[in-house]
Amino acid sequence: MTALVRIAGLVRRFDVSKPWLNRLIERAPRQILTAVADVSLEIPERGVYALVGESGSGKSTIGKIAVGLLAPSEGAVEIGGVDLHRERDPARRTETRAHIQMIFQDPYASLNPRWRVRDIIEEPVRARGDRSEGLAERLLEQVGLSARDADKFPHEFSGGQRQRICVARALASEPRFIVCDEPTSALDVSVQAQVLNLMKDLQERLGLTYLFISHDLSVVRYMADRIGVLYLGRLVEEAPRDALFETPRHPYTRMLLEAAPRIDAFGREVDPPKGEIPDPINPPTGCAYHPRCPFADERCKRERPAMRDAGASRAACHAVEEGRL
């Protein structure tokens, strides 16, 4: 299947140093935080690729780079063969960006409270100079709301209804690729199910391609075709959905799955995850997960593992490579 999205060698660094004068007085060095480190992945057209990992692992940063909200420090992001950040033809770059949208995590913060719903939904189309008569009403009905809601303001809706409006706005420009940054984490469980069903139905009906970012493994299992597991800005495992849940290879993936609540495991006792994500400004040498890994040895402490094939999966783990796990 043809890949619509190609991310190759993606790196994003942030300068989190104190102001220049403070550093001069304190004789302190600059501090560089590497939020994303050498991430490569592909998303086939009409596919759903999910990124999972603990808070601070770089999921949202990758999503923002993928839609052009942040520029990469290194690497490339291609959408339909066009590099968003290096394409020199303005018309081609603008045309590609027109078919990319993002659904944000907080439906309360991502809608302008001073605008009516009609203006919010039609904004992407008007920005291109296209006609938008009746568009808001049609999209509102498509996402399960009433056409009459177009004249209302965001404060007149519940959280789940606001997220449906966000979905309608994302669909207004007829996108091919949508980044979904934890789109249901701020919603009640029953409302989450409604929004996820809506998104899955729209994806299948309109042939959309999703990059789905979430920390909820049950949501990922329902939505994704392929899953990438991030730890401290790096992909440590990548696998088809069923392979990842049935035979996880990397110790970090196993820890995430064991820590997740399951309805069929009432009363089970699970050891809580050990340790915290290390400081990304001063990451550990070798494998970044080795301070928390029960399978780590001396090689893990000094040598960073490369992503290698491991059955249906790809994993960056010396223990998997050596057959110890």
Protein backbone atom coordinates (compact mmCIF):
# COMPACT_ATOMS: atom_id res chain seq x y z
CA MET A 1 0.00 0.00 0.00
CA THR A 2 1.30 3.48 -0.92
CA ALA A 3 2.55 5.56 2.00
CA LEU A 4 0.86 8.96 2.25
CA VAL A 5 3.03 10.15 5.16
CA ARG A 6 6.77 9.52 5.43
CA ILE A 7 8.75 10.69 8.44
CA ALA A 8 12.49 10.08 8.20
CA GLY A 9 15.18 10.74 10.82
CA LEU A 10 13.02 13.29 12.62
CA VAL A 11 14.76 15.28 15.37
CA ARG A 12 13.40 18.22 17.34
CA ARG A 13 15.44 20.13 19.91
CA PHE A 14 14.33 22.97 22.18
CA ASP A 15 16.65 25.49 23.78
CA VAL A 16 15.50 25.63 27.42
CA SER A 17 18.47 27.63 28.67
CA LYS A 18 18.20 30.54 31.04
CA PRO A 19 18.45 34.04 29.50
CA TRP A 20 21.90 34.99 28.20
CA LEU A 21 22.69 37.41 31.04
CA ASN A 22 21.76 34.85 33.72
CA ARG A 23 24.01 32.27 32.10
CA LEU A 24 26.83 34.76 31.90
CA ILE A 25 26.57 35.68 35.59
CA GLU A 26 26.12 32.08 36.76
CA ARG A 27 28.60 30.70 34.19
CA ALA A 28 25.97 28.14 33.26
CA PRO A 29 26.02 26.29 29.93
CA ARG A 30 23.15 26.22 27.44
CA GLN A 31 20.59 23.48 28.00
CA ILE A 32 19.13 21.70 24.99
CA LEU A 33 16.13 19.41 25.36
CA THR A 34 15.79 16.75 22.66
CA ALA A 35 12.05 16.08 22.47
CA VAL A 36 12.20 13.85 19.38
CA ALA A 37 15.27 11.81 18.42
CA ASP A 38 15.70 10.01 15.09
CA VAL A 39 12.09 8.93 14.55
CA SER A 40 11.19 7.30 11.23
CA LEU A 41 7.78 5.92 10.28
CA GLU A 42 5.35 5.59 7.40
CA ILE A 43 1.56 5.82 7.31
CA PRO A 44 -0.19 4.22 4.34
CA GLU A 45 -3.06 6.01 2.65
CA ARG A 46 -6.35 5.30 4.50
CA GLY A 47 -4.35 3.87 7.41
CA VAL A 48 -4.36 4.72 11.12
CA TYR A 49 -0.97 4.90 12.84
CA ALA A 50 -0.99 5.38 16.61
CA LEU A 51 1.77 6.80 18.80
CA VAL A 52 1.72 5.75 22.47
CA GLY A 53 3.96 6.44 25.43
CA GLU A 54 4.13 8.17 28.78
CA SER A 55 3.75 11.93 29.13
CA GLY A 56 6.86 13.67 27.85
CA SER A 57 7.76 10.98 25.32
CA GLY A 58 7.40 13.32 22.33
CA LYS A 59 4.04 12.24 20.89
CA SER A 60 2.47 15.68 20.56
CA THR A 61 5.70 17.22 19.26
CA ILE A 62 5.72 14.73 16.37
CA GLY A 63 2.07 15.53 15.67
CA LYS A 64 2.72 19.28 15.54
CA ILE A 65 5.70 18.79 13.23
CA ALA A 66 3.58 16.54 10.98
CA VAL A 67 1.02 19.32 10.40
CA GLY A 68 3.61 22.08 10.09
CA LEU A 69 3.05 23.83 13.42
CA LEU A 70 6.67 23.15 14.40
CA ALA A 71 9.74 22.87 12.20
CA PRO A 72 12.06 19.88 12.64
CA SER A 73 15.63 20.41 13.77
CA GLU A 74 16.68 17.54 11.49
CA GLY A 75 14.96 15.01 9.27
CA ALA A 76 12.05 15.23 6.85
CA VAL A 77 8.26 15.00 6.88
CA GLU A 78 6.67 14.23 3.52
CA ILE A 79 2.93 14.33 2.90
CA GLY A 80 2.03 12.94 -0.50
CA GLY A 81 5.64 13.27 -1.58
CA VAL A 82 5.92 16.95 -0.56
CA ASP A 83 8.32 17.96 2.22
CA LEU A 84 6.35 20.54 4.20
CA HIS A 85 9.43 22.31 5.50
CA ARG A 86 11.75 22.19 2.48
CA GLU A 87 9.45 22.46 -0.54
CA ARG A 88 10.43 25.59 -2.46
CA ASP A 89 7.32 25.83 -4.62
CA PRO A 90 4.85 27.95 -2.55
CA ALA A 91 1.82 26.79 -4.55
CA ARG A 92 2.67 23.12 -4.05
CA ARG A 93 3.35 23.64 -0.35
CA THR A 94 0.07 25.53 0.13
CA GLU A 95 -1.88 22.86 -1.73
CA THR A 96 -0.40 20.13 0.47
CA ARG A 97 -1.09 22.03 3.69
CA ALA A 98 -4.72 22.52 2.60
CA HIS A 99 -5.27 18.76 2.91
CA ILE A 100 -3.85 18.46 6.42
CA GLN A 101 -5.84 19.09 9.60
CA MET A 102 -5.49 18.51 13.35
CA ILE A 103 -7.96 17.67 16.11
CA PHE A 104 -6.68 18.96 19.43
CA GLN A 105 -6.95 17.44 22.88
CA ASP A 106 -9.04 20.08 24.65
CA PRO A 107 -12.36 20.90 22.93
CA TYR A 108 -12.88 23.79 25.34
CA ALA A 109 -9.67 25.59 24.38
CA SER A 110 -9.57 24.84 20.65
CA LEU A 111 -12.79 26.71 19.73
CA ASN A 112 -12.98 30.51 19.61
CA PRO A 113 -15.62 31.45 22.23
CA ARG A 114 -16.45 34.68 20.36
CA TRP A 115 -17.28 33.01 17.06
CA ARG A 116 -20.44 31.23 16.06
CA VAL A 117 -20.09 27.58 15.11
CA ARG A 118 -20.70 28.38 11.45
CA ASP A 119 -17.69 30.71 11.35
CA ILE A 120 -15.50 28.20 13.21
CA ILE A 121 -16.26 25.38 10.77
CA GLU A 122 -16.03 27.47 7.62
CA GLU A 123 -12.77 29.23 8.56
CA PRO A 124 -10.42 26.71 6.80
CA VAL A 125 -12.42 27.06 3.56
CA ARG A 126 -12.66 30.85 3.69
CA ALA A 127 -8.92 31.07 4.33
CA ARG A 128 -8.39 29.47 0.91
CA GLY A 129 -10.86 31.85 -0.71
CA ASP A 130 -13.38 29.09 -1.52
CA ARG A 131 -17.16 29.35 -1.22
CA SER A 132 -18.67 27.89 1.94
CA GLU A 133 -22.46 28.37 1.69
CA GLY A 134 -24.25 25.57 3.54
CA LEU A 135 -20.99 23.81 4.41
CA ALA A 136 -21.32 24.18 8.19
CA GLU A 137 -24.88 22.85 8.24
CA ARG A 138 -23.94 19.82 6.14
CA LEU A 139 -20.89 18.96 8.24
CA LEU A 140 -22.75 19.38 11.53
CA GLU A 141 -25.30 16.81 10.40
CA GLN A 142 -22.47 14.57 9.22
CA VAL A 143 -20.96 14.51 12.73
CA GLY A 144 -24.30 13.90 14.47
CA LEU A 145 -25.38 17.44 15.36
CA SER A 146 -28.19 19.61 14.02
CA ALA A 147 -27.86 22.11 11.21
CA ARG A 148 -29.53 24.64 13.51
CA ASP A 149 -26.47 24.48 15.78
CA ALA A 150 -24.52 26.54 13.26
CA ASP A 151 -25.86 29.79 14.76
CA LYS A 152 -24.86 28.92 18.33
CA PHE A 153 -21.70 29.72 20.30
CA PRO A 154 -19.31 27.06 21.72
CA HIS A 155 -20.40 27.67 25.34
CA GLU A 156 -23.85 26.30 24.47
CA PHE A 157 -22.47 22.79 23.91
CA SER A 158 -21.17 19.96 26.08
CA GLY A 159 -17.60 18.66 25.81
CA GLY A 160 -18.54 15.81 23.50
CA GLN A 161 -20.54 18.12 21.25
CA ARG A 162 -17.63 20.56 21.10
CA GLN A 163 -15.31 17.78 20.00
CA ARG A 164 -17.79 16.91 17.25
CA ILE A 165 -17.59 20.54 16.13
CA CYS A 166 -13.79 20.20 16.09
CA VAL A 167 -14.16 17.11 13.89
CA ALA A 168 -16.50 19.03 11.57
CA ARG A 169 -13.98 21.88 11.31
CA ALA A 170 -11.23 19.38 10.48
CA LEU A 171 -13.37 17.92 7.68
CA ALA A 172 -14.25 21.31 6.15
CA SER A 173 -11.19 21.52 3.90
CA GLU A 174 -11.63 17.92 2.68
CA PRO A 175 -8.33 16.72 4.19
CA ARG A 176 -6.48 13.54 3.34
CA PHE A 177 -4.45 13.46 6.56
CA ILE A 178 -5.60 14.31 10.10
CA VAL A 179 -3.48 14.34 13.24
CA CYS A 180 -5.61 13.43 16.28
CA ASP A 181 -3.82 14.58 19.45
CA GLU A 182 -5.57 12.68 22.28
CA PRO A 183 -8.96 13.81 20.95
CA THR A 184 -11.02 12.03 23.62
CA SER A 185 -8.89 12.27 26.77
CA ALA A 186 -10.86 15.26 28.12
CA LEU A 187 -14.23 13.52 27.67
CA ASP A 188 -16.33 11.14 29.77
CA VAL A 189 -15.98 7.46 28.91
CA SER A 190 -19.42 7.13 27.29
CA VAL A 191 -18.83 10.29 25.23
CA GLN A 192 -15.37 9.00 24.25
CA ALA A 193 -16.99 5.95 22.68
CA GLN A 194 -19.37 8.12 20.64
CA VAL A 195 -16.60 10.35 19.32
CA LEU A 196 -14.31 7.40 18.52
CA ASN A 197 -17.10 5.61 16.65
CA LEU A 198 -17.74 8.80 14.70
CA MET A 199 -14.06 9.19 13.81
CA LYS A 200 -13.71 5.56 12.77
CA ASP A 201 -16.85 5.75 10.63
CA LEU A 202 -15.65 8.96 8.93
CA GLN A 203 -12.21 7.45 8.34
CA GLU A 204 -13.67 4.44 6.57
CA ARG A 205 -16.32 6.41 4.66
CA LEU A 206 -14.12 9.31 3.51
CA GLY A 207 -10.84 7.42 3.14
CA LEU A 208 -9.00 9.52 5.72
CA THR A 209 -5.49 8.87 7.02
CA TYR A 210 -4.94 9.36 10.77
CA LEU A 211 -1.93 9.86 12.98
CA PHE A 212 -3.57 9.02 16.30
CA ILE A 213 -1.82 10.15 19.49
CA SER A 214 -2.99 8.67 22.78
CA HIS A 215 -1.89 7.32 26.13
CA ASP A 216 -5.03 5.14 26.39
CA LEU A 217 -4.18 1.67 25.10
CA SER A 218 -7.84 0.61 24.86
CA VAL A 219 -8.52 3.52 22.52
CA VAL A 220 -5.43 2.69 20.45
CA ARG A 221 -6.45 -0.95 20.16
CA TYR A 222 -9.83 0.09 18.77
CA MET A 223 -8.58 2.74 16.33
CA ALA A 224 -5.12 1.84 15.05
CA ASP A 225 -3.81 -0.42 12.30
CA ARG A 226 -0.17 -0.01 13.34
CA ILE A 227 1.32 1.28 16.60
CA GLY A 228 4.59 2.97 17.47
CA VAL A 229 5.78 3.04 21.09
CA LEU A 230 7.80 6.12 22.09
CA TYR A 231 10.18 6.43 25.00
CA LEU A 232 12.12 9.63 25.66
CA GLY A 233 11.58 10.81 22.09
CA ARG A 234 12.63 7.55 20.39
CA LEU A 235 10.66 4.73 18.83
CA VAL A 236 11.42 1.59 20.85
CA GLU A 237 8.88 -0.70 19.18
CA GLU A 238 6.66 -0.65 16.12
CA ALA A 239 4.19 -3.36 15.22
CA PRO A 240 0.77 -4.14 13.74
CA ARG A 241 -1.95 -3.68 16.35
CA ASP A 242 -2.68 -7.35 17.03
CA ALA A 243 1.00 -8.32 17.16
CA LEU A 244 1.78 -5.59 19.66
CA PHE A 245 -1.00 -6.54 22.06
CA GLU A 246 -0.54 -10.31 21.74
CA THR A 247 3.27 -10.54 21.71
CA PRO A 248 4.90 -7.28 22.83
CA ARG A 249 8.67 -7.46 22.44
CA HIS A 250 10.23 -4.43 24.14
CA PRO A 251 10.26 -4.38 27.99
CA TYR A 252 8.78 -0.88 27.99
CA THR A 253 5.84 -2.01 25.84
CA ARG A 254 5.28 -4.90 28.23
CA MET A 255 5.31 -2.53 31.18
CA LEU A 256 2.70 -0.28 29.54
CA LEU A 257 0.41 -3.22 28.76
CA GLU A 258 0.74 -4.72 32.22
CA ALA A 259 -0.04 -1.39 33.87
CA ALA A 260 -3.17 -0.80 31.77
CA PRO A 261 -6.50 -1.69 33.41
CA ARG A 262 -8.32 -4.70 31.94
CA ILE A 263 -11.91 -5.71 32.46
CA ASP A 264 -10.99 -9.43 32.43
CA ALA A 265 -8.37 -9.10 35.17
CA PHE A 266 -10.38 -8.06 38.20
CA GLY A 267 -8.44 -8.53 41.42
CA ARG A 268 -5.08 -9.06 39.74
CA GLU A 269 -1.99 -7.71 41.45
CA VAL A 270 0.46 -5.89 39.22
CA ASP A 271 3.73 -4.31 40.30
CA PRO A 272 3.56 -0.57 39.65
CA PRO A 273 5.87 0.79 36.96
CA LYS A 274 9.33 1.42 38.37
CA GLY A 275 11.06 4.77 38.11
CA GLU A 276 10.28 7.86 36.09
CA ILE A 277 11.20 9.00 32.58
CA PRO A 278 14.78 10.32 32.81
CA ASP A 279 15.64 13.97 32.31
CA PRO A 280 15.55 14.55 28.51
CA ILE A 281 18.19 17.27 28.89
CA ASN A 282 20.64 14.72 30.33
CA PRO A 283 19.43 11.32 29.09
CA PRO A 284 21.13 8.09 30.18
CA THR A 285 23.89 6.64 28.04
CA GLY A 286 23.14 3.59 25.92
CA CYS A 287 19.51 2.50 26.00
CA ALA A 288 17.48 5.27 27.67
CA TYR A 289 15.21 2.66 29.29
CA HIS A 290 18.01 0.72 31.00
CA PRO A 291 17.64 2.40 34.47
CA ARG A 292 14.09 0.98 34.66
CA CYS A 293 14.57 -2.27 32.73
CA PRO A 294 14.80 -5.61 34.60
CA PHE A 295 16.62 -7.17 31.62
CA ALA A 296 19.36 -4.52 31.27
CA ASP A 297 23.04 -5.55 31.23
CA GLU A 298 26.32 -3.73 30.67
CA ARG A 299 25.80 -3.52 26.91
CA CYS A 300 22.46 -1.77 27.47
CA LYS A 301 24.20 0.86 29.63
CA ARG A 302 26.84 1.79 27.07
CA GLU A 303 25.38 1.07 23.60
CA ARG A 304 22.14 2.46 22.15
CA PRO A 305 20.13 -0.30 20.42
CA ALA A 306 19.00 0.08 16.81
CA MET A 307 15.54 -0.80 15.53
CA ARG A 308 15.63 -4.38 14.23
CA ASP A 309 13.04 -6.80 12.93
CA ALA A 310 11.65 -9.09 15.63
CA GLY A 311 9.00 -11.29 14.06
CA ALA A 312 6.07 -9.13 12.98
CA SER A 313 7.44 -6.26 15.05
CA ARG A 314 10.47 -3.98 15.04
CA ALA A 315 12.14 -3.33 18.39
CA ALA A 316 15.13 -1.39 19.66
CA CYS A 317 16.31 -3.72 22.42
CA HIS A 318 19.56 -5.63 22.98
CA ALA A 319 17.73 -8.29 25.01
CA VAL A 320 15.39 -9.00 22.09
CA GLU A 321 18.28 -9.04 19.63
CA GLU A 322 20.31 -11.46 21.77
CA GLY A 323 17.35 -13.74 22.50
CA ARG A 324 17.33 -12.98 26.23
CA LEU A 325 13.74 -11.74 25.98
